[in-house]
Amino acid sequence: MNDPKSRLIVALDVAGRREALAAVRRLSGHVGYFKIGLELFTREGPGLVEEIRDTGEKIFLDLKLHDIPNTVAGAMRSACALGIDMITVHASGGTAMLEAACAQARESAAPPLVLAVTALTSLSEADMNRFGVQGSMDEWVGRLARTAYEAGVRGLVASAREIPMLRRTMDPQLRLVIPGIRPAGVAAQDQARTATPYEAIRAGASFLVVGRPIMQAGDPAAAADAATAEIARALGS
């Protein structure tokens, strides 16, 4: 965790295998993890995960598992067999589902870090209120975070805006993975709750997820290095 680039996760938001492998080759040595999300996994399946893993890169499998406990346990078993390093579940799946996911992960040969997704960074407080959730976004994320932690989860996905609350109220060893990261001067696009790499690390983020600002850059490696430089500046200040 002392190496700034080990904190940078790049989302492989690409159409297919060829583009994903090309991005891995370009960014190898510049980032800590590669995130494979729903679109890419649905198109290419477990084979691509294994192919990237076999290059020696670390993999964050972002499937946001959310189903009945038995189904999630089975999916977790299959995912762990791929040799992944991180995987997401939805905190809103409830205690029994989260406990089943963590128990299955612990049984694997090399347990990944199970991350509970609290509130998606595309959601605003107005969206949350339309779902019938009362109170502030901080209160809702805090409730989901405590539920996940009590079920055995030791990593969370939340927006940068919730970092201060989580660091103030939760176990300091909890790993916080923060998406919605936009370097200074980059448009928020479809993210409602964003931060720069410097802001997020200074607030207490453990890992940052950056997708389009790196993947769509003219020079993705240079864009990754710029994000890493912001992380290093935050760690050193």
Protein backbone atom coordinates (compact mmCIF):
# COMPACT_ATOMS: atom_id res chain seq x y z
CA MET A 1 0.00 0.00 0.00
CA ASN A 2 3.04 2.30 0.19
CA ASP A 3 3.42 2.22 -3.60
CA PRO A 4 1.00 4.84 -5.01
CA LYS A 5 0.24 2.81 -8.12
CA SER A 6 -0.85 -0.16 -5.98
CA ARG A 7 -3.85 1.96 -4.97
CA LEU A 8 -4.98 2.60 -8.54
CA ILE A 9 -7.59 0.31 -10.10
CA VAL A 10 -8.33 0.76 -13.78
CA ALA A 11 -11.77 -0.23 -15.02
CA LEU A 12 -11.55 -2.18 -18.27
CA ASP A 13 -14.65 -0.54 -19.73
CA VAL A 14 -14.12 -1.90 -23.24
CA ALA A 15 -16.15 -3.91 -25.71
CA GLY A 16 -14.30 -7.20 -25.73
CA ARG A 17 -11.28 -9.43 -25.19
CA ARG A 18 -8.95 -7.89 -27.76
CA GLU A 19 -9.43 -4.36 -26.44
CA ALA A 20 -9.11 -5.54 -22.83
CA LEU A 21 -5.84 -7.39 -23.41
CA ALA A 22 -4.42 -4.44 -25.34
CA ALA A 23 -5.26 -2.15 -22.42
CA VAL A 24 -3.63 -4.55 -19.96
CA ARG A 25 -0.46 -4.59 -22.06
CA ARG A 26 -0.38 -0.78 -22.28
CA LEU A 27 -1.03 -0.25 -18.58
CA SER A 28 0.97 -3.11 -17.05
CA GLY A 29 3.33 -1.63 -14.49
CA HIS A 30 1.37 1.62 -14.30
CA VAL A 31 -1.58 0.44 -12.15
CA GLY A 32 -2.25 -1.91 -9.28
CA TYR A 33 -5.40 -3.73 -10.41
CA PHE A 34 -7.61 -4.23 -13.44
CA LYS A 35 -11.36 -4.17 -12.89
CA ILE A 36 -13.58 -6.43 -14.96
CA GLY A 37 -17.20 -5.35 -14.75
CA LEU A 38 -20.56 -6.65 -15.88
CA GLU A 39 -20.35 -5.66 -19.54
CA LEU A 40 -16.97 -7.24 -20.21
CA PHE A 41 -17.58 -10.32 -18.07
CA THR A 42 -20.96 -10.94 -19.70
CA ARG A 43 -19.38 -10.76 -23.15
CA GLU A 44 -16.15 -12.67 -22.55
CA GLY A 45 -16.79 -14.79 -19.45
CA PRO A 46 -14.34 -16.45 -17.05
CA GLY A 47 -11.81 -17.18 -19.79
CA LEU A 48 -10.75 -13.54 -19.99
CA VAL A 49 -10.37 -13.33 -16.21
CA GLU A 50 -8.03 -16.32 -16.30
CA GLU A 51 -6.13 -14.93 -19.27
CA ILE A 52 -5.42 -11.64 -17.51
CA ARG A 53 -4.65 -13.39 -14.23
CA ASP A 54 -2.10 -15.57 -16.01
CA THR A 55 -0.17 -12.43 -17.00
CA GLY A 56 0.45 -11.83 -13.30
CA GLU A 57 -1.89 -8.86 -12.98
CA LYS A 58 -4.28 -8.42 -10.05
CA ILE A 59 -7.98 -8.61 -10.83
CA PHE A 60 -10.99 -6.87 -9.29
CA LEU A 61 -14.11 -8.73 -10.44
CA ASP A 62 -16.91 -6.20 -10.13
CA LEU A 63 -20.09 -8.26 -10.48
CA LYS A 64 -22.06 -6.70 -7.60
CA LEU A 65 -23.58 -10.03 -6.59
CA HIS A 66 -27.12 -9.60 -5.27
CA ASP A 67 -29.39 -12.61 -4.92
CA ILE A 68 -30.57 -15.11 -2.34
CA PRO A 69 -27.77 -16.36 -0.03
CA ASN A 70 -27.41 -19.81 -1.63
CA THR A 71 -27.11 -18.36 -5.14
CA VAL A 72 -24.57 -15.76 -4.08
CA ALA A 73 -22.52 -18.40 -2.25
CA GLY A 74 -22.42 -20.49 -5.41
CA ALA A 75 -21.43 -17.53 -7.56
CA MET A 76 -18.73 -16.61 -5.05
CA ARG A 77 -17.36 -20.16 -5.15
CA SER A 78 -17.10 -20.01 -8.93
CA ALA A 79 -15.52 -16.56 -8.90
CA CYS A 80 -12.93 -17.47 -6.29
CA ALA A 81 -11.83 -20.43 -8.41
CA LEU A 82 -10.69 -17.91 -11.04
CA GLY A 83 -7.96 -16.55 -8.74
CA ILE A 84 -9.35 -13.04 -8.37
CA ASP A 85 -8.13 -10.52 -5.80
CA MET A 86 -11.30 -8.49 -5.13
CA ILE A 87 -15.00 -9.03 -5.75
CA THR A 88 -18.14 -6.99 -5.08
CA VAL A 89 -21.48 -7.84 -3.53
CA HIS A 90 -24.37 -5.47 -2.81
CA ALA A 91 -24.65 -4.47 0.85
CA SER A 92 -28.40 -4.11 0.33
CA GLY A 93 -28.60 -7.88 -0.17
CA GLY A 94 -28.86 -8.21 3.59
CA THR A 95 -27.06 -9.96 6.42
CA ALA A 96 -27.67 -13.57 5.41
CA MET A 97 -26.47 -12.98 1.85
CA LEU A 98 -23.37 -11.10 3.00
CA GLU A 99 -22.50 -13.78 5.54
CA ALA A 100 -22.86 -16.48 2.87
CA ALA A 101 -20.59 -14.55 0.49
CA CYS A 102 -17.89 -14.03 3.12
CA ALA A 103 -18.03 -17.63 4.32
CA GLN A 104 -17.62 -18.95 0.80
CA ALA A 105 -14.74 -16.56 0.08
CA ARG A 106 -12.91 -17.70 3.23
CA GLU A 107 -13.12 -21.31 2.06
CA SER A 108 -11.24 -20.59 -1.17
CA ALA A 109 -7.53 -21.34 -1.56
CA ALA A 110 -6.68 -17.64 -1.86
CA PRO A 111 -9.57 -15.61 -0.42
CA PRO A 112 -10.25 -12.36 -2.29
CA LEU A 113 -11.17 -9.13 -0.56
CA VAL A 114 -14.98 -9.06 -0.49
CA LEU A 115 -16.25 -5.53 -1.05
CA ALA A 116 -19.80 -4.49 -0.21
CA VAL A 117 -21.24 -1.84 -2.51
CA THR A 118 -23.17 0.72 -0.48
CA ALA A 119 -24.85 3.33 -2.69
CA LEU A 120 -23.88 3.49 -6.35
CA THR A 121 -21.98 6.67 -7.22
CA SER A 122 -24.54 7.40 -9.94
CA LEU A 123 -27.26 7.81 -7.27
CA SER A 124 -28.16 11.18 -5.81
CA GLU A 125 -29.96 11.84 -2.54
CA ALA A 126 -33.10 12.59 -4.55
CA ASP A 127 -32.90 9.10 -6.09
CA MET A 128 -32.52 7.58 -2.65
CA ASN A 129 -35.56 9.45 -1.34
CA ARG A 130 -37.63 8.23 -4.30
CA PHE A 131 -36.83 4.67 -3.15
CA GLY A 132 -38.42 5.52 0.18
CA VAL A 133 -35.13 5.76 2.07
CA GLN A 134 -35.40 8.54 4.63
CA GLY A 135 -32.52 10.67 5.88
CA SER A 136 -29.28 11.72 4.26
CA MET A 137 -27.01 9.79 1.92
CA ASP A 138 -24.44 9.55 4.73
CA GLU A 139 -27.01 7.94 7.01
CA TRP A 140 -28.04 5.39 4.37
CA VAL A 141 -24.45 4.51 3.45
CA GLY A 142 -23.59 4.25 7.15
CA ARG A 143 -26.42 1.77 7.77
CA LEU A 144 -25.39 -0.36 4.81
CA ALA A 145 -21.73 -0.22 5.89
CA ARG A 146 -22.50 -1.38 9.43
CA THR A 147 -24.68 -4.22 8.15
CA ALA A 148 -21.86 -5.38 5.86
CA TYR A 149 -19.18 -5.11 8.54
CA GLU A 150 -21.25 -7.05 11.08
CA ALA A 151 -21.68 -9.80 8.45
CA GLY A 152 -17.90 -10.14 8.08
CA VAL A 153 -17.17 -7.85 5.13
CA ARG A 154 -13.89 -5.97 5.46
CA GLY A 155 -14.06 -3.73 2.40
CA LEU A 156 -16.59 -1.21 1.13
CA VAL A 157 -17.34 0.58 -2.11
CA ALA A 158 -18.65 4.10 -1.56
CA SER A 159 -18.29 7.55 -3.02
CA ALA A 160 -15.59 9.96 -1.87
CA ARG A 161 -18.22 12.09 -0.17
CA GLU A 162 -18.89 9.34 2.37
CA ILE A 163 -15.22 8.70 3.23
CA PRO A 164 -15.07 11.13 6.20
CA MET A 165 -18.17 9.59 7.79
CA LEU A 166 -16.90 6.03 7.24
CA ARG A 167 -13.45 6.82 8.60
CA ARG A 168 -15.03 8.51 11.62
CA THR A 169 -17.49 5.72 12.45
CA MET A 170 -16.02 2.43 11.16
CA ASP A 171 -13.02 0.18 11.85
CA PRO A 172 -9.90 2.08 10.69
CA GLN A 173 -8.62 -1.12 9.06
CA LEU A 174 -11.63 -1.26 6.73
CA ARG A 175 -10.57 -0.98 3.09
CA LEU A 176 -12.41 1.72 1.17
CA VAL A 177 -12.57 1.39 -2.62
CA ILE A 178 -13.73 4.63 -4.20
CA PRO A 179 -15.14 4.85 -7.75
CA GLY A 180 -16.34 8.00 -9.47
CA ILE A 181 -12.80 9.36 -9.54
CA ARG A 182 -12.29 12.19 -12.01
CA PRO A 183 -8.94 13.98 -12.30
CA ALA A 184 -9.11 17.75 -12.10
CA GLY A 185 -10.67 19.23 -15.25
CA VAL A 186 -12.41 15.99 -16.32
CA ALA A 187 -16.21 15.98 -16.69
CA ALA A 188 -18.27 13.99 -14.17
CA GLN A 189 -20.25 12.28 -17.01
CA ASP A 190 -22.90 9.98 -15.43
CA GLN A 191 -21.40 10.06 -11.94
CA ALA A 192 -23.28 12.11 -9.36
CA ARG A 193 -20.74 11.94 -6.49
CA THR A 194 -17.17 12.38 -7.71
CA ALA A 195 -13.72 13.45 -6.44
CA THR A 196 -10.18 13.89 -7.74
CA PRO A 197 -7.52 11.31 -6.86
CA TYR A 198 -5.86 13.79 -4.52
CA GLU A 199 -9.11 14.60 -2.69
CA ALA A 200 -10.10 10.95 -2.26
CA ILE A 201 -6.75 9.76 -0.92
CA ARG A 202 -6.47 12.73 1.43
CA ALA A 203 -9.95 11.90 2.76
CA GLY A 204 -8.90 8.33 3.55
CA ALA A 205 -9.51 6.16 0.47
CA SER A 206 -7.61 2.87 0.28
CA PHE A 207 -8.05 2.32 -3.47
CA LEU A 208 -9.34 4.44 -6.34
CA VAL A 209 -11.22 3.20 -9.40
CA VAL A 210 -10.65 5.16 -12.59
CA GLY A 211 -12.19 4.12 -15.90
CA ARG A 212 -12.92 6.43 -18.81
CA PRO A 213 -10.45 9.21 -17.88
CA ILE A 214 -7.64 6.67 -18.37
CA MET A 215 -9.12 4.25 -20.89
CA GLN A 216 -10.28 7.01 -23.27
CA ALA A 217 -7.15 9.14 -22.94
CA GLY A 218 -4.89 9.63 -25.93
CA ASP A 219 -2.08 8.10 -23.86
CA PRO A 220 -3.64 5.80 -21.20
CA ALA A 221 -0.29 5.08 -19.52
CA ALA A 222 0.43 8.78 -19.13
CA ALA A 223 -3.07 9.35 -17.75
CA ALA A 224 -2.54 6.54 -15.24
CA ASP A 225 0.81 8.03 -14.24
CA ALA A 226 -0.85 11.41 -13.72
CA ALA A 227 -3.42 9.82 -11.40
CA THR A 228 -0.63 8.01 -9.54
CA ALA A 229 1.22 11.31 -9.16
CA GLU A 230 -1.87 12.82 -7.53
CA ILE A 231 -2.07 9.81 -5.19
CA ALA A 232 1.61 10.20 -4.28
CA ARG A 233 1.13 13.91 -3.60
CA ALA A 234 -1.82 13.16 -1.32
CA LEU A 235 0.09 10.46 0.57
CA GLY A 236 3.04 12.77 1.05
CA SER A 237 1.10 15.83 2.20
